[in-house]
Amino acid sequence: MLSKNSVLVYDGNCGFCTRLAKSIREKTKDQVAIVSFHQLTDTELHSIHKQLNKDLCAGEVQFIESGNRYPGFFAVRQLFWKMDKYKYFSFLLYLPLVPFLGMATMYLLKRFRKKLT
C-alpha cells in the first residue's frame, strides 16, 4: 500500500495532531509517509503492520519502520532521528527516566489534545 519504509499513523480528526503531522512532514523532508488512521480500513492498517487496528491507533500515534512498531513516546523518539535539526539531541530521549517523563507527557497530550486546538 505505502511505498515508504517509514510510516506514521496518527489521528487525522484532531486539529492539534494534524498541525503536528504537517510539521513532522516538513521537518523529515518527506522521509516518512504520514497517514490518518481514519482514512484506512482495518485491512489496510493490518497491511502496514500486523498488530495495527483502529482501536490501537485511536489510543496513540504509531510509527512503523522496517517492520518494527513504535507507539506513543517511542514513535516520537524514532522520529527525532529523521529530523535534521533535532537528530543531534535525540540521545537525550534515551537518558534514564526520560522515557517515563515522555510517556507521561504523551498521556497528557492524548487526554487534552482536543483543548489544544
C-alpha atoms as a PDB file:
ATOM      1  CA  MET A   1       0.000   0.000   0.000  1.00  0.00           C
ATOM      2  CA  LEU A   2       2.608   2.597   1.083  1.00  0.00           C
ATOM      3  CA  SER A   3       5.950   2.536  -0.646  1.00  0.00           C
ATOM      4  CA  LYS A   4       7.940   4.276   2.102  1.00  0.00           C
ATOM      5  CA  ASN A   5       9.924   2.310   4.653  1.00  0.00           C
ATOM      6  CA  SER A   6       8.690   4.558   7.498  1.00  0.00           C
ATOM      7  CA  VAL A   7       5.005   5.207   8.207  1.00  0.00           C
ATOM      8  CA  LEU A   8       3.463   7.405  10.885  1.00  0.00           C
ATOM      9  CA  VAL A   9      -0.180   6.616  11.672  1.00  0.00           C
ATOM     10  CA  TYR A  10      -1.947   9.408  13.570  1.00  0.00           C
ATOM     11  CA  ASP A  11      -5.417  10.753  14.377  1.00  0.00           C
ATOM     12  CA  GLY A  12      -6.416  12.925  11.429  1.00  0.00           C
ATOM     13  CA  ASN A  13      -9.594  14.242  13.096  1.00  0.00           C
ATOM     14  CA  CYS A  14      -7.698  16.255  15.707  1.00  0.00           C
ATOM     15  CA  GLY A  15      -6.542  19.759  14.752  1.00  0.00           C
ATOM     16  CA  PHE A  16      -3.546  19.566  17.107  1.00  0.00           C
ATOM     17  CA  CYS A  17      -2.481  16.209  15.657  1.00  0.00           C
ATOM     18  CA  THR A  18      -2.932  17.435  12.092  1.00  0.00           C
ATOM     19  CA  ARG A  19      -0.750  20.506  12.698  1.00  0.00           C
ATOM     20  CA  LEU A  20       1.890  18.316  14.319  1.00  0.00           C
ATOM     21  CA  ALA A  21       1.806  15.847  11.406  1.00  0.00           C
ATOM     22  CA  LYS A  22       2.276  18.703   8.937  1.00  0.00           C
ATOM     23  CA  SER A  23       5.259  19.953  10.924  1.00  0.00           C
ATOM     24  CA  ILE A  24       6.762  16.440  11.073  1.00  0.00           C
ATOM     25  CA  ARG A  25       6.298  16.053   7.307  1.00  0.00           C
ATOM     26  CA  GLU A  26       8.234  19.287   6.709  1.00  0.00           C
ATOM     27  CA  LYS A  27      10.986  18.515   9.215  1.00  0.00           C
ATOM     28  CA  THR A  28      11.569  14.973   7.973  1.00  0.00           C
ATOM     29  CA  LYS A  29      11.620  16.183   4.364  1.00  0.00           C
ATOM     30  CA  ASP A  30       9.079  13.553   3.270  1.00  0.00           C
ATOM     31  CA  GLN A  31      11.176  10.607   4.520  1.00  0.00           C
ATOM     32  CA  VAL A  32       8.102   9.399   6.404  1.00  0.00           C
ATOM     33  CA  ALA A  33       4.670   8.546   4.981  1.00  0.00           C
ATOM     34  CA  ILE A  34       2.140  10.160   7.309  1.00  0.00           C
ATOM     35  CA  VAL A  35      -1.421   8.818   7.222  1.00  0.00           C
ATOM     36  CA  SER A  36      -4.552   9.261   9.305  1.00  0.00           C
ATOM     37  CA  PHE A  37      -5.943   6.001  10.633  1.00  0.00           C
ATOM     38  CA  HIS A  38      -9.444   7.338   9.941  1.00  0.00           C
ATOM     39  CA  GLN A  39      -8.759   7.117   6.199  1.00  0.00           C
ATOM     40  CA  LEU A  40      -7.704   3.461   6.392  1.00  0.00           C
ATOM     41  CA  THR A  41      -9.647   0.259   6.852  1.00  0.00           C
ATOM     42  CA  ASP A  42      -8.573  -2.381   9.370  1.00  0.00           C
ATOM     43  CA  THR A  43      -7.253  -4.460   6.462  1.00  0.00           C
ATOM     44  CA  GLU A  44      -5.090  -1.578   5.249  1.00  0.00           C
ATOM     45  CA  LEU A  45      -3.824  -0.959   8.778  1.00  0.00           C
ATOM     46  CA  HIS A  46      -3.017  -4.653   9.097  1.00  0.00           C
ATOM     47  CA  SER A  47      -1.081  -4.489   5.816  1.00  0.00           C
ATOM     48  CA  ILE A  48       1.113  -1.727   7.276  1.00  0.00           C
ATOM     49  CA  HIS A  49       1.823  -3.789  10.404  1.00  0.00           C
ATOM     50  CA  LYS A  50       0.211  -6.975  11.639  1.00  0.00           C
ATOM     51  CA  GLN A  51      -0.628  -5.517  15.086  1.00  0.00           C
ATOM     52  CA  LEU A  52      -2.330  -2.334  13.880  1.00  0.00           C
ATOM     53  CA  ASN A  53      -6.058  -1.813  14.213  1.00  0.00           C
ATOM     54  CA  LYS A  54      -8.315   1.213  14.706  1.00  0.00           C
ATOM     55  CA  ASP A  55      -8.535   0.810  18.489  1.00  0.00           C
ATOM     56  CA  LEU A  56      -4.749   0.705  18.854  1.00  0.00           C
ATOM     57  CA  CYS A  57      -4.306   3.735  16.588  1.00  0.00           C
ATOM     58  CA  ALA A  58      -7.017   5.687  18.418  1.00  0.00           C
ATOM     59  CA  GLY A  59      -5.061   5.191  21.631  1.00  0.00           C
ATOM     60  CA  GLU A  60      -1.785   6.714  20.481  1.00  0.00           C
ATOM     61  CA  VAL A  61       0.342   7.581  17.476  1.00  0.00           C
ATOM     62  CA  GLN A  62       2.066   4.614  15.805  1.00  0.00           C
ATOM     63  CA  PHE A  63       5.357   4.728  13.900  1.00  0.00           C
ATOM     64  CA  ILE A  64       6.280   1.764  11.725  1.00  0.00           C
ATOM     65  CA  GLU A  65       9.838   1.468  10.450  1.00  0.00           C
ATOM     66  CA  SER A  66      11.410  -1.585   8.829  1.00  0.00           C
ATOM     67  CA  GLY A  67       8.622  -3.781  10.200  1.00  0.00           C
ATOM     68  CA  ASN A  68       9.038  -2.535  13.795  1.00  0.00           C
ATOM     69  CA  ARG A  69       6.162  -0.752  15.572  1.00  0.00           C
ATOM     70  CA  TYR A  70       6.878   2.147  17.910  1.00  0.00           C
ATOM     71  CA  PRO A  71       3.870   3.523  19.857  1.00  0.00           C
ATOM     72  CA  GLY A  72       3.492   6.937  21.506  1.00  0.00           C
ATOM     73  CA  PHE A  73       6.671   8.368  23.033  1.00  0.00           C
ATOM     74  CA  PHE A  74       8.785   5.719  21.346  1.00  0.00           C
ATOM     75  CA  ALA A  75       7.420   6.869  17.981  1.00  0.00           C
ATOM     76  CA  VAL A  76       8.479  10.439  18.769  1.00  0.00           C
ATOM     77  CA  ARG A  77      11.902   9.199  19.828  1.00  0.00           C
ATOM     78  CA  GLN A  78      12.377   7.409  16.496  1.00  0.00           C
ATOM     79  CA  LEU A  79      11.073  10.392  14.514  1.00  0.00           C
ATOM     80  CA  PHE A  80      13.669  12.701  16.082  1.00  0.00           C
ATOM     81  CA  TRP A  81      16.412  10.739  14.291  1.00  0.00           C
ATOM     82  CA  LYS A  82      14.831  11.685  10.951  1.00  0.00           C
ATOM     83  CA  MET A  83      14.731  15.436  11.641  1.00  0.00           C
ATOM     84  CA  ASP A  84      17.908  17.223  10.635  1.00  0.00           C
ATOM     85  CA  LYS A  85      17.858  19.899  13.350  1.00  0.00           C
ATOM     86  CA  TYR A  86      16.792  17.575  16.150  1.00  0.00           C
ATOM     87  CA  LYS A  87      18.714  14.369  15.480  1.00  0.00           C
ATOM     88  CA  TYR A  88      21.784  15.664  17.336  1.00  0.00           C
ATOM     89  CA  PHE A  89      19.717  15.918  20.522  1.00  0.00           C
ATOM     90  CA  SER A  90      17.923  12.590  20.112  1.00  0.00           C
ATOM     91  CA  PHE A  91      20.281  10.843  22.508  1.00  0.00           C
ATOM     92  CA  LEU A  92      18.697  12.881  25.334  1.00  0.00           C
ATOM     93  CA  LEU A  93      15.480  10.898  24.889  1.00  0.00           C
ATOM     94  CA  TYR A  94      17.395   7.733  25.861  1.00  0.00           C
ATOM     95  CA  LEU A  95      18.646   9.033  29.211  1.00  0.00           C
ATOM     96  CA  PRO A  96      17.379   7.342  32.383  1.00  0.00           C
ATOM     97  CA  LEU A  97      13.853   8.337  33.456  1.00  0.00           C
ATOM     98  CA  VAL A  98      13.250  10.370  30.275  1.00  0.00           C
ATOM     99  CA  PRO A  99      11.015   7.645  28.780  1.00  0.00           C
ATOM    100  CA  PHE A 100       8.778   7.816  31.876  1.00  0.00           C
ATOM    101  CA  LEU A 101       8.542  11.591  31.567  1.00  0.00           C
ATOM    102  CA  GLY A 102       7.908  11.229  27.826  1.00  0.00           C
ATOM    103  CA  MET A 103       5.166   8.648  28.311  1.00  0.00           C
ATOM    104  CA  ALA A 104       3.512  10.871  30.938  1.00  0.00           C
ATOM    105  CA  THR A 105       3.683  13.833  28.553  1.00  0.00           C
ATOM    106  CA  MET A 106       2.169  11.768  25.736  1.00  0.00           C
ATOM    107  CA  TYR A 107      -0.616  10.628  28.082  1.00  0.00           C
ATOM    108  CA  LEU A 108      -1.422  14.240  28.989  1.00  0.00           C
ATOM    109  CA  LEU A 109      -1.314  15.320  25.339  1.00  0.00           C
ATOM    110  CA  LYS A 110      -3.642  12.472  24.397  1.00  0.00           C
ATOM    111  CA  ARG A 111      -6.030  13.400  27.153  1.00  0.00           C
ATOM    112  CA  PHE A 112      -6.138  17.163  26.500  1.00  0.00           C
ATOM    113  CA  ARG A 113      -5.373  17.395  22.759  1.00  0.00           C
ATOM    114  CA  LYS A 114      -8.917  18.484  21.860  1.00  0.00           C
ATOM    115  CA  LYS A 115      -8.490  21.526  24.133  1.00  0.00           C
ATOM    116  CA  LEU A 116      -5.161  22.414  22.462  1.00  0.00           C
ATOM    117  CA  THR A 117      -6.787  23.059  19.067  1.00  0.00           C
END
